[in-house]
Amino acid sequence: MAGKENSHIRKEHMSQSTLTSKGQTTIPREIRKLLGLKENDRILYEVEDGKVTIKPAPAVHELYAIFKPRIRRKGPPPTKAQMRAAVEREIVRRWKKKGV
């Protein structure tokens, strides 16, 4: 019966890679292609119920476009470095909240 419970889940891709002594790994070519990842792209790791999902991180300019209508401040817009720092703080906050 256990097999039937998970029969609705379709595994489109299954690949593996090796973890180095520095904690690094190479994302297999087919996965990079599937996700549209290029050199120097940032990746988000989401951990939920013991499973990890990876996805491309939105670029800083994409995040700014999302939040621009909600930003009500006087003066110059935040720099990319300031926005990146704010996003990183939010990601860390969410990970701590989830106990990661």
Protein backbone atom coordinates (compact mmCIF):
# COMPACT_ATOMS: atom_id res chain seq x y z
CA MET A 1 0.00 0.00 0.00
CA ALA A 2 2.92 2.35 0.67
CA GLY A 3 3.79 2.29 -3.02
CA LYS A 4 0.29 3.38 -3.98
CA GLU A 5 0.36 6.33 -1.57
CA ASN A 6 3.26 7.89 -3.46
CA SER A 7 2.23 6.72 -6.93
CA HIS A 8 0.73 10.15 -7.71
CA ILE A 9 4.14 11.80 -7.24
CA ARG A 10 6.02 11.96 -10.51
CA LYS A 11 9.78 12.28 -10.40
CA GLU A 12 10.68 14.13 -13.56
CA HIS A 13 14.40 14.27 -12.87
CA MET A 14 16.67 12.43 -10.50
CA SER A 15 20.36 13.22 -10.49
CA GLN A 16 23.15 13.02 -7.99
CA SER A 17 26.42 14.75 -7.26
CA THR A 18 29.23 14.40 -4.74
CA LEU A 19 29.81 16.69 -1.76
CA THR A 20 33.42 17.86 -1.40
CA SER A 21 35.30 18.26 1.87
CA LYS A 22 34.53 22.01 1.61
CA GLY A 23 30.79 21.34 1.43
CA GLN A 24 30.62 22.15 -2.28
CA THR A 25 28.87 20.25 -5.03
CA THR A 26 28.25 20.64 -8.74
CA ILE A 27 24.67 20.92 -9.87
CA PRO A 28 24.31 18.46 -12.76
CA ARG A 29 24.10 20.00 -16.22
CA GLU A 30 20.54 18.78 -16.87
CA ILE A 31 19.34 20.37 -13.61
CA ARG A 32 21.13 23.67 -14.38
CA LYS A 33 19.53 23.66 -17.81
CA LEU A 34 16.10 22.81 -16.38
CA LEU A 35 16.33 25.68 -13.88
CA GLY A 36 17.95 28.09 -16.34
CA LEU A 37 20.98 28.54 -14.09
CA LYS A 38 24.08 30.26 -15.38
CA GLU A 39 27.51 30.98 -13.92
CA ASN A 40 27.35 33.24 -10.83
CA ASP A 41 23.57 32.85 -10.43
CA ARG A 42 22.41 32.73 -6.82
CA ILE A 43 20.36 29.79 -5.59
CA LEU A 44 17.74 29.56 -2.86
CA TYR A 45 17.56 26.43 -0.72
CA GLU A 46 14.20 25.84 0.93
CA VAL A 47 14.00 23.17 3.63
CA GLU A 48 10.58 21.82 4.57
CA ASP A 49 9.62 18.53 6.20
CA GLY A 50 13.14 17.15 5.76
CA LYS A 51 13.19 17.87 2.01
CA VAL A 52 15.30 20.46 0.23
CA THR A 53 14.11 22.39 -2.81
CA ILE A 54 16.52 24.47 -4.84
CA LYS A 55 15.46 27.26 -7.13
CA PRO A 56 17.04 30.27 -8.77
CA ALA A 57 17.12 33.29 -6.49
CA PRO A 58 15.46 36.36 -7.96
CA ALA A 59 17.90 39.03 -9.09
CA VAL A 60 18.07 42.18 -7.00
CA HIS A 61 16.46 44.27 -9.74
CA GLU A 62 13.56 41.78 -9.91
CA LEU A 63 13.02 42.10 -6.16
CA TYR A 64 13.13 45.86 -6.39
CA ALA A 65 10.50 45.81 -9.13
CA ILE A 66 8.29 43.65 -6.91
CA PHE A 67 8.63 45.87 -3.85
CA LYS A 68 8.92 49.28 -5.53
CA PRO A 69 5.18 50.08 -5.27
CA ARG A 70 5.32 49.36 -1.53
CA ILE A 71 8.39 51.47 -0.78
CA ARG A 72 7.46 54.84 0.63
CA ARG A 73 10.60 56.73 1.39
CA LYS A 74 12.13 60.04 0.59
CA GLY A 75 15.52 60.36 -0.95
CA PRO A 76 17.39 58.09 -3.33
CA PRO A 77 16.35 54.48 -3.79
CA PRO A 78 18.33 51.83 -1.89
CA THR A 79 21.48 50.55 -3.54
CA LYS A 80 21.74 47.00 -4.83
CA ALA A 81 24.02 46.19 -1.90
CA GLN A 82 21.42 47.49 0.57
CA MET A 83 18.64 45.52 -1.09
CA ARG A 84 20.76 42.35 -1.21
CA ALA A 85 21.61 42.73 2.48
CA ALA A 86 17.91 43.19 3.32
CA VAL A 87 16.96 40.07 1.32
CA GLU A 88 19.73 38.03 2.97
CA ARG A 89 18.58 39.18 6.43
CA GLU A 90 15.01 38.15 5.57
CA ILE A 91 16.13 34.72 4.34
CA VAL A 92 18.14 34.15 7.54
CA ARG A 93 15.16 35.29 9.63
CA ARG A 94 12.89 32.83 7.85
CA TRP A 95 15.41 29.98 8.21
CA LYS A 96 15.76 30.67 11.94
CA LYS A 97 11.97 30.72 12.26
CA LYS A 98 11.81 27.29 10.58
CA GLY A 99 14.66 26.00 12.74
CA VAL A 100 17.14 25.49 9.93
